[in-house]
Protein backbone atom coordinates (compact mmCIF):
# COMPACT_ATOMS: atom_id res chain seq x y z
CA MET A 1 75.20 106.34 111.81
CA ALA A 2 75.33 108.70 108.83
CA ILE A 3 73.62 111.44 110.79
CA VAL A 4 76.35 111.33 113.45
CA SER A 5 79.11 111.75 110.89
CA ILE A 6 77.23 114.54 109.13
CA LEU A 7 76.68 116.39 112.38
CA SER A 8 80.30 115.97 113.41
CA VAL A 9 81.52 117.31 110.06
CA LEU A 10 79.17 120.28 110.29
CA VAL A 11 80.15 121.03 113.89
CA PHE A 12 83.84 120.83 113.01
CA SER A 13 83.34 123.14 110.01
CA ILE A 14 81.38 125.66 112.07
CA VAL A 15 83.92 125.69 114.89
CA LEU A 16 86.78 126.05 112.42
CA SER A 17 84.98 128.94 110.73
CA ILE A 18 84.25 130.68 114.05
CA VAL A 19 87.92 130.47 114.98
CA GLU A 20 89.56 131.34 111.66
CA ILE A 21 87.29 133.81 109.86
CA PRO A 22 87.50 136.64 112.44
CA LYS A 23 91.31 136.37 112.43
CA MET A 24 91.42 136.70 108.66
CA LEU A 25 89.00 139.64 108.68
CA ARG A 26 91.05 141.48 111.32
CA GLN A 27 94.22 141.02 109.28
CA LYS A 28 92.37 141.89 106.03
CA LEU A 29 93.39 138.61 104.37
CA TYR A 30 90.56 138.61 101.88
CA LYS A 31 92.15 136.31 99.28
CA GLU A 32 93.00 133.77 101.97
CA LEU A 33 89.47 134.09 103.37
CA TYR A 34 87.95 133.38 99.97
CA THR A 35 90.23 130.37 99.50
CA PHE A 36 89.45 129.12 103.01
CA ILE A 37 85.71 129.34 102.46
CA VAL A 38 85.86 127.60 99.07
CA LEU A 39 88.07 124.76 100.28
CA LEU A 40 86.18 124.29 103.55
CA SER A 41 82.87 124.20 101.68
CA PHE A 42 84.22 121.74 99.13
CA GLY A 43 85.64 119.48 101.84
CA THR A 44 82.44 119.65 103.89
CA VAL A 45 80.28 118.72 100.91
CA LEU A 46 82.59 115.83 99.99
CA ALA A 47 82.58 114.53 103.57
CA ILE A 48 78.78 114.67 103.72
CA LEU A 49 78.48 112.89 100.38
CA LYS A 50 80.92 110.25 101.56
CA SER A 51 78.83 109.66 104.69
CA PHE A 52 75.84 108.93 102.40
CA ASN A 53 78.03 106.37 100.54
CA VAL A 54 77.93 108.34 97.30
CA ASP A 55 80.54 107.12 94.83
CA ILE A 56 83.04 109.97 94.50
CA PRO A 57 85.48 109.59 91.60
CA ASN A 58 89.18 109.49 92.32
CA PRO A 59 91.14 112.49 90.93
CA SER A 60 93.80 110.15 89.57
CA ASP A 61 91.18 108.63 87.25
CA PHE A 62 90.79 112.03 85.59
CA VAL A 63 94.57 112.38 85.20
CA GLN A 64 94.74 108.90 83.70
CA TRP A 65 91.94 109.79 81.26
CA VAL A 66 93.74 112.99 80.20
CA TYR A 67 97.09 111.28 79.59
CA SER A 68 95.78 108.06 78.03
CA PRO A 69 96.11 109.34 74.42
CA PHE A 70 99.77 110.18 75.07
CA ASN A 71 100.27 106.76 76.58
CA ASN A 72 98.89 105.10 73.45
CA ILE A 73 101.07 107.24 71.16
CA ILE A 74 104.23 106.50 73.12
CA ARG A 75 103.39 102.80 73.29
CA GLU A 76 102.98 102.70 69.47
CA LEU A 77 106.26 104.53 68.97
CA LEU A 78 108.17 102.13 71.19
CA GLU A 79 106.80 98.97 69.54
């Protein structure tokens, strides 16, 4: 079943690229093209990893880790 989801993600990414990239090149939207390629590649890789049941960390865990020292300081001040 994983191969079906991987193939569908790849087909969707290829079709989306075939439709969008020529439009951006004609309009000379190079910054948008770069952003599109980076985000599409990132999303495609994440979708493929998810189909292999790889544990992908949640971005909110990183935010919680960054702000945890401030949480402890504020908690101590309020006690």
